[in-house]
C-alpha atoms as a PDB file:
ATOM      1  CA  MET A   1      71.204 127.533  95.035  1.00  0.00           C
ATOM      2  CA  LEU A   2      72.570 128.415  91.635  1.00  0.00           C
ATOM      3  CA  ASP A   3      71.642 132.208  92.346  1.00  0.00           C
ATOM      4  CA  PHE A   4      73.185 132.100  95.825  1.00  0.00           C
ATOM      5  CA  MET A   5      76.454 130.732  94.257  1.00  0.00           C
ATOM      6  CA  ALA A   6      76.359 133.007  91.223  1.00  0.00           C
ATOM      7  CA  PRO A   7      78.956 135.238  92.402  1.00  0.00           C
ATOM      8  CA  VAL A   8      81.641 132.304  92.544  1.00  0.00           C
ATOM      9  CA  LEU A   9      80.353 130.213  89.232  1.00  0.00           C
ATOM     10  CA  ASP A  10      80.810 133.948  87.355  1.00  0.00           C
ATOM     11  CA  ASN A  11      84.105 134.406  88.697  1.00  0.00           C
ATOM     12  CA  THR A  12      85.417 130.825  88.689  1.00  0.00           C
ATOM     13  CA  GLY A  13      88.495 131.704  87.445  1.00  0.00           C
ATOM     14  CA  LEU A  14      89.171 134.496  89.414  1.00  0.00           C
ATOM     15  CA  PHE A  15      89.038 132.042  92.336  1.00  0.00           C
ATOM     16  CA  VAL A  16      91.252 129.359  90.324  1.00  0.00           C
ATOM     17  CA  LYS A  17      93.997 132.015  90.351  1.00  0.00           C
ATOM     18  CA  GLY A  18      93.757 133.030  93.734  1.00  0.00           C
ATOM     19  CA  PHE A  19      93.763 129.503  94.818  1.00  0.00           C
ATOM     20  CA  TRP A  20      97.196 128.854  93.172  1.00  0.00           C
ATOM     21  CA  ARG A  21      98.108 132.178  94.464  1.00  0.00           C
ATOM     22  CA  SER A  22      97.291 131.115  98.184  1.00  0.00           C
ATOM     23  CA  LEU A  23      99.099 127.583  97.508  1.00  0.00           C
ATOM     24  CA  GLY A  24     102.038 128.849  96.370  1.00  0.00           C
ATOM     25  CA  ILE A  25     102.106 131.003  99.466  1.00  0.00           C
ATOM     26  CA  ILE A  26     101.592 127.879 101.373  1.00  0.00           C
ATOM     27  CA  ALA A  27     104.433 125.912  99.234  1.00  0.00           C
ATOM     28  CA  TRP A  28     106.906 128.406 100.105  1.00  0.00           C
ATOM     29  CA  ALA A  29     106.230 129.025 104.004  1.00  0.00           C
ATOM     30  CA  THR A  30     106.021 125.166 103.990  1.00  0.00           C
ATOM     31  CA  VAL A  31     109.480 124.955 102.864  1.00  0.00           C
ATOM     32  CA  GLY A  32     110.771 127.497 104.605  1.00  0.00           C
ATOM     33  CA  SER A  33     109.185 126.610 108.209  1.00  0.00           C
ATOM     34  CA  LEU A  34     110.299 122.863 108.208  1.00  0.00           C
ATOM     35  CA  LEU A  35     113.860 124.239 107.009  1.00  0.00           C
ATOM     36  CA  LEU A  36     113.971 126.891 109.732  1.00  0.00           C
ATOM     37  CA  GLY A  37     112.215 124.728 112.213  1.00  0.00           C
ATOM     38  CA  THR A  38     114.768 122.224 112.217  1.00  0.00           C
ATOM     39  CA  PHE A  39     117.493 124.572 112.620  1.00  0.00           C
ATOM     40  CA  ILE A  40     116.061 126.126 115.980  1.00  0.00           C
ATOM     41  CA  ALA A  41     115.236 122.580 117.000  1.00  0.00           C
ATOM     42  CA  ALA A  42     118.771 121.911 116.495  1.00  0.00           C
ATOM     43  CA  CYS A  43     119.761 124.967 118.758  1.00  0.00           C
ATOM     44  CA  ARG A  44     117.349 123.590 121.262  1.00  0.00           C
ATOM     45  CA  VAL A  45     119.238 120.344 121.880  1.00  0.00           C
ATOM     46  CA  SER A  46     122.951 121.764 120.618  1.00  0.00           C
ATOM     47  CA  PRO A  47     125.189 121.179 123.547  1.00  0.00           C
ATOM     48  CA  ILE A  48     126.638 124.898 123.036  1.00  0.00           C
ATOM     49  CA  ALA A  49     124.879 127.418 125.593  1.00  0.00           C
ATOM     50  CA  PRO A  50     124.912 130.216 123.321  1.00  0.00           C
ATOM     51  CA  LEU A  51     122.875 128.233 120.415  1.00  0.00           C
ATOM     52  CA  ARG A  52     120.431 126.653 123.151  1.00  0.00           C
ATOM     53  CA  ALA A  53     119.792 130.450 124.744  1.00  0.00           C
ATOM     54  CA  PHE A  54     119.151 131.540 121.179  1.00  0.00           C
ATOM     55  CA  GLY A  55     116.669 128.602 120.159  1.00  0.00           C
ATOM     56  CA  SER A  56     115.148 129.184 123.563  1.00  0.00           C
ATOM     57  CA  ALA A  57     114.352 132.869 123.114  1.00  0.00           C
ATOM     58  CA  TYR A  58     113.232 132.815 119.691  1.00  0.00           C
ATOM     59  CA  VAL A  59     110.789 130.111 120.330  1.00  0.00           C
ATOM     60  CA  THR A  60     109.766 132.085 123.736  1.00  0.00           C
ATOM     61  CA  ILE A  61     109.149 134.956 121.721  1.00  0.00           C
ATOM     62  CA  VAL A  62     107.530 134.032 118.709  1.00  0.00           C
ATOM     63  CA  ARG A  63     105.270 131.369 119.831  1.00  0.00           C
ATOM     64  CA  ASN A  64     103.802 134.235 122.178  1.00  0.00           C
ATOM     65  CA  SER A  65     103.534 136.801 119.731  1.00  0.00           C
ATOM     66  CA  PRO A  66     100.188 137.259 117.562  1.00  0.00           C
ATOM     67  CA  LEU A  67     100.606 136.603 114.326  1.00  0.00           C
ATOM     68  CA  THR A  68      99.580 139.703 113.448  1.00  0.00           C
ATOM     69  CA  VAL A  69     101.896 141.323 115.683  1.00  0.00           C
ATOM     70  CA  VAL A  70     104.542 139.742 113.266  1.00  0.00           C
ATOM     71  CA  LEU A  71     103.239 140.607 110.180  1.00  0.00           C
ATOM     72  CA  PHE A  72     102.915 144.282 111.284  1.00  0.00           C
ATOM     73  CA  PHE A  73     106.506 144.156 111.843  1.00  0.00           C
ATOM     74  CA  PHE A  74     107.810 142.473 108.656  1.00  0.00           C
ATOM     75  CA  ALA A  75     105.249 145.069 106.620  1.00  0.00           C
ATOM     76  CA  PHE A  76     105.437 148.099 108.581  1.00  0.00           C
ATOM     77  CA  GLY A  77     108.200 148.271 110.828  1.00  0.00           C
ATOM     78  CA  LEU A  78     111.214 146.757 108.752  1.00  0.00           C
ATOM     79  CA  PRO A  79     110.865 149.508 106.182  1.00  0.00           C
ATOM     80  CA  GLU A  80     111.215 151.880 108.828  1.00  0.00           C
ATOM     81  CA  ILE A  81     114.682 150.865 109.221  1.00  0.00           C
ATOM     82  CA  GLY A  82     115.204 150.644 105.448  1.00  0.00           C
ATOM     83  CA  ILE A  83     114.385 147.147 104.398  1.00  0.00           C
ATOM     84  CA  ASN A  84     112.026 147.104 101.475  1.00  0.00           C
ATOM     85  CA  ARG A  85     110.325 144.160  99.732  1.00  0.00           C
ATOM     86  CA  SER A  86     107.204 143.215  98.408  1.00  0.00           C
ATOM     87  CA  PHE A  87     104.237 142.833 100.548  1.00  0.00           C
ATOM     88  CA  TYR A  88     104.334 139.173  99.354  1.00  0.00           C
ATOM     89  CA  VAL A  89     108.464 138.550 100.676  1.00  0.00           C
ATOM     90  CA  PHE A  90     107.337 140.311 103.785  1.00  0.00           C
ATOM     91  CA  GLY A  91     104.017 138.033 104.303  1.00  0.00           C
ATOM     92  CA  VAL A  92     105.575 134.530 103.717  1.00  0.00           C
ATOM     93  CA  SER A  93     108.842 135.748 105.454  1.00  0.00           C
ATOM     94  CA  ALA A  94     106.309 136.622 108.597  1.00  0.00           C
ATOM     95  CA  LEU A  95     104.728 133.331 107.907  1.00  0.00           C
ATOM     96  CA  VAL A  96     108.074 131.547 107.942  1.00  0.00           C
ATOM     97  CA  ILE A  97     109.391 132.800 110.881  1.00  0.00           C
ATOM     98  CA  TYR A  98     105.648 132.455 113.227  1.00  0.00           C
ATOM     99  CA  THR A  99     105.268 128.692 112.133  1.00  0.00           C
ATOM    100  CA  ALA A 100     109.091 127.544 112.592  1.00  0.00           C
ATOM    101  CA  ALA A 101     108.598 128.170 115.925  1.00  0.00           C
ATOM    102  CA  PHE A 102     105.712 125.733 116.530  1.00  0.00           C
ATOM    103  CA  VAL A 103     107.739 123.266 114.040  1.00  0.00           C
ATOM    104  CA  CYS A 104     110.596 123.411 116.341  1.00  0.00           C
ATOM    105  CA  GLU A 105     108.813 122.712 119.445  1.00  0.00           C
ATOM    106  CA  ALA A 106     107.015 119.564 117.684  1.00  0.00           C
ATOM    107  CA  LEU A 107     110.424 118.484 116.320  1.00  0.00           C
ATOM    108  CA  ARG A 108     112.332 118.947 119.833  1.00  0.00           C
ATOM    109  CA  SER A 109     109.436 116.643 121.150  1.00  0.00           C
ATOM    110  CA  GLY A 110     110.409 114.140 118.677  1.00  0.00           C
ATOM    111  CA  ILE A 111     114.039 114.384 119.574  1.00  0.00           C
ATOM    112  CA  ASN A 112     113.602 114.099 122.947  1.00  0.00           C
ATOM    113  CA  SER A 113     111.496 110.917 122.404  1.00  0.00           C
ATOM    114  CA  VAL A 114     114.438 109.111 120.696  1.00  0.00           C
ATOM    115  CA  SER A 115     116.581 106.905 123.318  1.00  0.00           C
ATOM    116  CA  ALA A 116     119.300 108.387 124.736  1.00  0.00           C
ATOM    117  CA  GLY A 117     121.417 105.627 123.900  1.00  0.00           C
ATOM    118  CA  GLN A 118     121.045 106.308 120.359  1.00  0.00           C
ATOM    119  CA  SER A 119     123.094 109.562 120.977  1.00  0.00           C
ATOM    120  CA  GLU A 120     125.517 108.030 123.227  1.00  0.00           C
ATOM    121  CA  ALA A 121     126.337 104.845 120.552  1.00  0.00           C
ATOM    122  CA  SER A 122     126.803 107.418 117.794  1.00  0.00           C
ATOM    123  CA  ARG A 123     129.474 109.353 119.816  1.00  0.00           C
ATOM    124  CA  ALA A 124     131.204 106.174 121.110  1.00  0.00           C
ATOM    125  CA  ILE A 125     131.691 105.277 117.176  1.00  0.00           C
ATOM    126  CA  GLY A 126     132.982 108.732 116.794  1.00  0.00           C
ATOM    127  CA  LEU A 127     130.473 110.654 115.569  1.00  0.00           C
ATOM    128  CA  THR A 128     130.185 114.611 115.959  1.00  0.00           C
ATOM    129  CA  PHE A 129     127.276 116.280 117.284  1.00  0.00           C
ATOM    130  CA  SER A 130     126.092 117.505 114.040  1.00  0.00           C
ATOM    131  CA  GLN A 131     126.542 114.083 112.658  1.00  0.00           C
ATOM    132  CA  SER A 132     124.847 111.835 115.406  1.00  0.00           C
ATOM    133  CA  LEU A 133     121.954 114.475 114.919  1.00  0.00           C
ATOM    134  CA  GLY A 134     121.423 114.628 111.205  1.00  0.00           C
ATOM    135  CA  SER A 135     122.197 110.652 110.757  1.00  0.00           C
ATOM    136  CA  VAL A 136     120.784 109.205 113.653  1.00  0.00           C
ATOM    137  CA  VAL A 137     118.547 111.355 116.058  1.00  0.00           C
ATOM    138  CA  LEU A 138     116.792 113.728 113.683  1.00  0.00           C
ATOM    139  CA  PRO A 139     115.343 110.909 110.943  1.00  0.00           C
ATOM    140  CA  GLN A 140     113.986 108.928 113.989  1.00  0.00           C
ATOM    141  CA  ALA A 141     112.630 112.518 115.548  1.00  0.00           C
ATOM    142  CA  PHE A 142     110.713 113.374 112.116  1.00  0.00           C
ATOM    143  CA  ARG A 143     109.026 109.860 112.224  1.00  0.00           C
ATOM    144  CA  SER A 144     107.572 110.070 115.566  1.00  0.00           C
ATOM    145  CA  SER A 145     107.113 114.319 115.037  1.00  0.00           C
ATOM    146  CA  ILE A 146     104.532 113.408 111.877  1.00  0.00           C
ATOM    147  CA  PRO A 147     101.394 114.106 113.556  1.00  0.00           C
ATOM    148  CA  PRO A 148     102.408 117.336 115.732  1.00  0.00           C
ATOM    149  CA  VAL A 149     104.328 118.759 112.435  1.00  0.00           C
ATOM    150  CA  GLY A 150     101.181 117.945 110.556  1.00  0.00           C
ATOM    151  CA  SER A 151      98.718 119.743 113.141  1.00  0.00           C
ATOM    152  CA  VAL A 152     101.141 122.735 112.922  1.00  0.00           C
ATOM    153  CA  LEU A 153     101.390 122.788 109.070  1.00  0.00           C
ATOM    154  CA  ILE A 154      97.638 122.740 108.479  1.00  0.00           C
ATOM    155  CA  ALA A 155      97.538 125.776 111.053  1.00  0.00           C
ATOM    156  CA  MET A 156     100.346 127.182 108.930  1.00  0.00           C
ATOM    157  CA  PHE A 157      97.875 126.538 105.400  1.00  0.00           C
ATOM    158  CA  LYS A 158      94.862 128.819 107.558  1.00  0.00           C
ATOM    159  CA  ASN A 159      96.574 131.390 108.770  1.00  0.00           C
ATOM    160  CA  SER A 160      97.935 132.065 104.991  1.00  0.00           C
ATOM    161  CA  ALA A 161      94.590 133.985 105.133  1.00  0.00           C
ATOM    162  CA  VAL A 162      95.913 136.135 107.469  1.00  0.00           C
ATOM    163  CA  VAL A 163      98.776 136.915 105.590  1.00  0.00           C
ATOM    164  CA  GLY A 164      96.798 137.598 102.343  1.00  0.00           C
ATOM    165  CA  ALA A 165      94.626 140.038 104.184  1.00  0.00           C
ATOM    166  CA  PHE A 166      98.066 142.202 104.767  1.00  0.00           C
ATOM    167  CA  GLY A 167      98.084 143.324 100.534  1.00  0.00           C
ATOM    168  CA  ILE A 168      99.888 140.677  99.290  1.00  0.00           C
ATOM    169  CA  GLY A 169      97.171 140.500  96.266  1.00  0.00           C
ATOM    170  CA  GLY A 170      95.759 137.774  93.714  1.00  0.00           C
ATOM    171  CA  ASP A 171      95.431 135.293  96.715  1.00  0.00           C
ATOM    172  CA  LEU A 172      91.697 133.601  98.032  1.00  0.00           C
ATOM    173  CA  PHE A 173      91.781 136.411 100.419  1.00  0.00           C
ATOM    174  CA  SER A 174      92.146 139.496  97.877  1.00  0.00           C
ATOM    175  CA  VAL A 175      89.701 137.696  95.412  1.00  0.00           C
ATOM    176  CA  TYR A 176      86.890 138.333  98.324  1.00  0.00           C
ATOM    177  CA  ARG A 177      87.891 142.215  98.862  1.00  0.00           C
ATOM    178  CA  SER A 178      87.700 142.346  95.143  1.00  0.00           C
ATOM    179  CA  LEU A 179      84.345 141.092  94.671  1.00  0.00           C
ATOM    180  CA  SER A 180      82.356 142.041  97.894  1.00  0.00           C
ATOM    181  CA  SER A 181      83.977 145.506  97.960  1.00  0.00           C
ATOM    182  CA  ALA A 182      84.905 146.777  94.487  1.00  0.00           C
ATOM    183  CA  GLN A 183      82.826 145.145  92.242  1.00  0.00           C
ATOM    184  CA  GLY A 184      79.230 144.657  94.938  1.00  0.00           C
ATOM    185  CA  TYR A 185      78.826 141.276  95.055  1.00  0.00           C
ATOM    186  CA  PRO A 186      77.212 140.357  98.245  1.00  0.00           C
ATOM    187  CA  PRO A 187      79.994 138.847 100.907  1.00  0.00           C
ATOM    188  CA  PHE A 188      78.403 135.527 102.171  1.00  0.00           C
ATOM    189  CA  PRO A 189      78.808 133.669  98.864  1.00  0.00           C
ATOM    190  CA  VAL A 190      81.843 135.044  98.032  1.00  0.00           C
ATOM    191  CA  LEU A 191      83.231 133.852 101.644  1.00  0.00           C
ATOM    192  CA  VAL A 192      81.656 130.373 100.775  1.00  0.00           C
ATOM    193  CA  GLY A 193      83.511 130.272  97.887  1.00  0.00           C
ATOM    194  CA  VAL A 194      86.756 131.345  99.283  1.00  0.00           C
ATOM    195  CA  ALA A 195      86.410 128.922 102.577  1.00  0.00           C
ATOM    196  CA  ILE A 196      85.857 126.062  99.369  1.00  0.00           C
ATOM    197  CA  GLY A 197      89.258 126.880  98.119  1.00  0.00           C
ATOM    198  CA  TYR A 198      91.325 126.820 101.340  1.00  0.00           C
ATOM    199  CA  LEU A 199      89.135 123.507 102.150  1.00  0.00           C
ATOM    200  CA  CYS A 200      90.414 121.846  98.874  1.00  0.00           C
ATOM    201  CA  ILE A 201      93.725 122.480 100.392  1.00  0.00           C
ATOM    202  CA  THR A 202      93.741 121.677 103.666  1.00  0.00           C
ATOM    203  CA  ILE A 203      91.133 118.432 103.557  1.00  0.00           C
ATOM    204  CA  PRO A 204      94.163 116.865 100.931  1.00  0.00           C
ATOM    205  CA  ALA A 205      97.109 117.871 103.060  1.00  0.00           C
ATOM    206  CA  GLY A 206      94.954 116.204 106.262  1.00  0.00           C
ATOM    207  CA  ILE A 207      94.468 113.094 104.258  1.00  0.00           C
ATOM    208  CA  ALA A 208      98.007 112.763 102.959  1.00  0.00           C
ATOM    209  CA  LEU A 209      99.149 113.378 106.481  1.00  0.00           C
ATOM    210  CA  ALA A 210      97.112 110.456 108.325  1.00  0.00           C
ATOM    211  CA  TYR A 211      98.322 108.403 105.211  1.00  0.00           C
ATOM    212  CA  ALA A 212     102.004 109.093 106.187  1.00  0.00           C
ATOM    213  CA  GLU A 213     101.598 108.503 109.994  1.00  0.00           C
ATOM    214  CA  LYS A 214      99.994 105.307 108.932  1.00  0.00           C
ATOM    215  CA  LYS A 215     103.057 104.187 106.992  1.00  0.00           C
ATOM    216  CA  VAL A 216     105.421 105.256 109.387  1.00  0.00           C
ATOM    217  CA  ALA A 217     103.363 103.295 112.522  1.00  0.00           C
ATOM    218  CA  ILE A 218     103.379  99.936 110.050  1.00  0.00           C
ATOM    219  CA  ALA A 219     106.815 100.357 109.774  1.00  0.00           C
ATOM    220  CA  ARG A 220     107.897 100.492 113.410  1.00  0.00           C
END
């Protein structure tokens, strides 16, 4: 067993660096997709028709596009029109754009689960739509949306491996390419090490989300 895992044990430092690099990608993408997804969800339920149309078009186009197409657009399409950034920026941005569409729909389901009487009461006391949404509706919607949003985020954690394949460098997927291709280590044990790295991210995240869901259920 030790011989089998020798590529991992001999390069533990490289795997640790890859783990932290991947975790950084995930952290930025999580914050960005939650913020953008919340904004798109607000557009989807807005009383202003152009905003609703924008939100609907965004979700329809992005949700029905493969992540690899979105990544190719950012990595190779944007430079063609003069927009040049690092692969790290392009990769994280593509992941945010893609994940935000799914976060939006998860939040919209939570918004729709809030009683219409809540919005009517807030308007009756003089709150604007944005005030009602931010102070009354969204806090309740976030609580009921924890399970679907959590599932979306965990899927995004795993999708970050696809982003790593586009040349970000230093992440767990790059560790696999470096060890198996450049240094000639057997691919299978290296992939096992990469999988362990991602499991160290997704399993604690799943436990934390389950705990948050339980706390919310108790509070109701």
